[in-house]
Amino acid sequence: PRSDRRRVVAVARWDSPVKDARFCMRVLRSFLEQRPEYEAFVIGPTTPLLTVEAGRTPPMVAGRLHLTGRIDHPALGELLASSRITFISSRHEAG
């Protein structure tokens, strides 16, 4: 997607509790309320929790918070390349 807005991208397997989907959505909603020049893309499997959290998005933000579900690698690469911020909400990472 092309836009004049700046982008935040969050990519994860949202069905994993480690990725903390609730925290991700809370932070993105707050950020977007304060920064109207940004839009956010939450990429990965859509879960009931993400859907509920998206439903709590205020109208002034709702059009700028996008749940994409799974997308193919070329589309993911395009979104990541066009983003200003990559947001990772994991509680921890293995390694």
Protein backbone atom coordinates (compact mmCIF):
# COMPACT_ATOMS: atom_id res chain seq x y z
CA PRO A 1 0.00 0.00 0.00
CA ARG A 2 1.17 3.50 -0.85
CA SER A 3 0.54 6.36 1.51
CA ASP A 4 1.93 9.73 2.51
CA ARG A 5 1.67 8.65 6.13
CA ARG A 6 4.60 7.37 8.08
CA ARG A 7 4.33 3.70 8.99
CA VAL A 8 4.74 1.49 12.02
CA VAL A 9 4.88 -2.24 11.29
CA ALA A 10 4.42 -5.04 13.83
CA VAL A 11 4.91 -8.62 12.61
CA ALA A 12 4.37 -11.73 14.73
CA ARG A 13 2.59 -15.00 15.25
CA TRP A 14 -0.09 -13.29 17.33
CA ASP A 15 -1.46 -16.60 18.59
CA SER A 16 1.67 -16.91 20.76
CA PRO A 17 1.25 -15.40 24.26
CA VAL A 18 4.93 -14.42 24.15
CA LYS A 19 4.16 -11.86 21.43
CA ASP A 20 1.74 -10.02 23.75
CA ALA A 21 -0.88 -8.94 21.23
CA ARG A 22 -2.87 -7.01 23.85
CA PHE A 23 0.17 -4.88 24.76
CA CYS A 24 0.98 -4.32 21.08
CA MET A 25 -2.51 -3.05 20.31
CA ARG A 26 -2.64 -0.85 23.42
CA VAL A 27 0.67 0.80 22.55
CA LEU A 28 -0.23 1.26 18.88
CA ARG A 29 -3.60 2.84 19.72
CA SER A 30 -1.94 5.26 22.14
CA PHE A 31 0.84 6.09 19.68
CA LEU A 32 -1.60 6.71 16.82
CA GLU A 33 -3.76 8.96 19.01
CA GLN A 34 -0.70 11.14 19.63
CA ARG A 35 0.81 10.96 16.14
CA PRO A 36 -1.82 11.49 13.39
CA GLU A 37 0.85 11.42 10.67
CA TYR A 38 1.39 7.68 11.30
CA GLU A 39 -0.49 4.54 10.36
CA ALA A 40 0.20 1.07 11.76
CA PHE A 41 0.11 -2.38 10.20
CA VAL A 42 -0.27 -5.43 12.42
CA ILE A 43 0.85 -8.36 10.30
CA GLY A 44 0.38 -12.03 11.10
CA PRO A 45 -2.44 -14.42 11.88
CA THR A 46 -5.47 -12.53 13.12
CA THR A 47 -6.75 -13.91 16.42
CA PRO A 48 -9.93 -13.30 18.41
CA LEU A 49 -7.85 -11.23 20.87
CA LEU A 50 -6.56 -8.97 18.06
CA THR A 51 -10.09 -8.55 16.75
CA VAL A 52 -11.40 -7.58 20.20
CA GLU A 53 -8.50 -5.16 20.73
CA ALA A 54 -9.04 -3.63 17.28
CA GLY A 55 -12.68 -3.08 18.25
CA ARG A 56 -11.49 -0.87 21.12
CA THR A 57 -9.79 1.52 18.72
CA PRO A 58 -11.19 5.06 18.83
CA PRO A 59 -12.75 6.30 15.57
CA MET A 60 -10.02 8.93 15.07
CA VAL A 61 -7.46 6.09 14.94
CA ALA A 62 -9.42 3.19 13.43
CA GLY A 63 -8.72 4.11 9.80
CA ARG A 64 -4.98 4.11 10.48
CA LEU A 65 -4.69 0.79 12.35
CA HIS A 66 -4.67 -2.09 9.88
CA LEU A 67 -4.87 -5.80 10.75
CA THR A 68 -3.58 -7.41 7.58
CA GLY A 69 -3.59 -11.06 8.61
CA ARG A 70 -0.95 -13.15 6.90
CA ILE A 71 0.58 -11.59 3.81
CA ASP A 72 3.05 -12.96 1.27
CA HIS A 73 6.77 -12.25 1.52
CA PRO A 74 6.94 -9.63 -1.27
CA ALA A 75 4.13 -7.61 0.36
CA LEU A 76 5.78 -7.99 3.78
CA GLY A 77 9.09 -6.79 2.35
CA GLU A 78 7.38 -3.74 0.82
CA LEU A 79 5.69 -2.80 4.10
CA LEU A 80 8.88 -3.27 6.12
CA ALA A 81 10.90 -1.24 3.61
CA SER A 82 8.36 1.59 3.74
CA SER A 83 8.13 1.70 7.53
CA ARG A 84 9.77 4.23 9.82
CA ILE A 85 9.29 2.04 12.90
CA THR A 86 9.27 -1.72 13.44
CA PHE A 87 7.50 -2.45 16.71
CA ILE A 88 8.28 -5.70 18.54
CA SER A 89 6.10 -6.38 21.55
CA SER A 90 7.50 -9.78 22.56
CA ARG A 91 7.87 -10.47 26.25
CA HIS A 92 11.14 -12.23 25.40
CA GLU A 93 12.93 -13.91 22.51
CA ALA A 94 14.69 -17.25 22.52
CA GLY A 95 18.30 -17.27 21.68
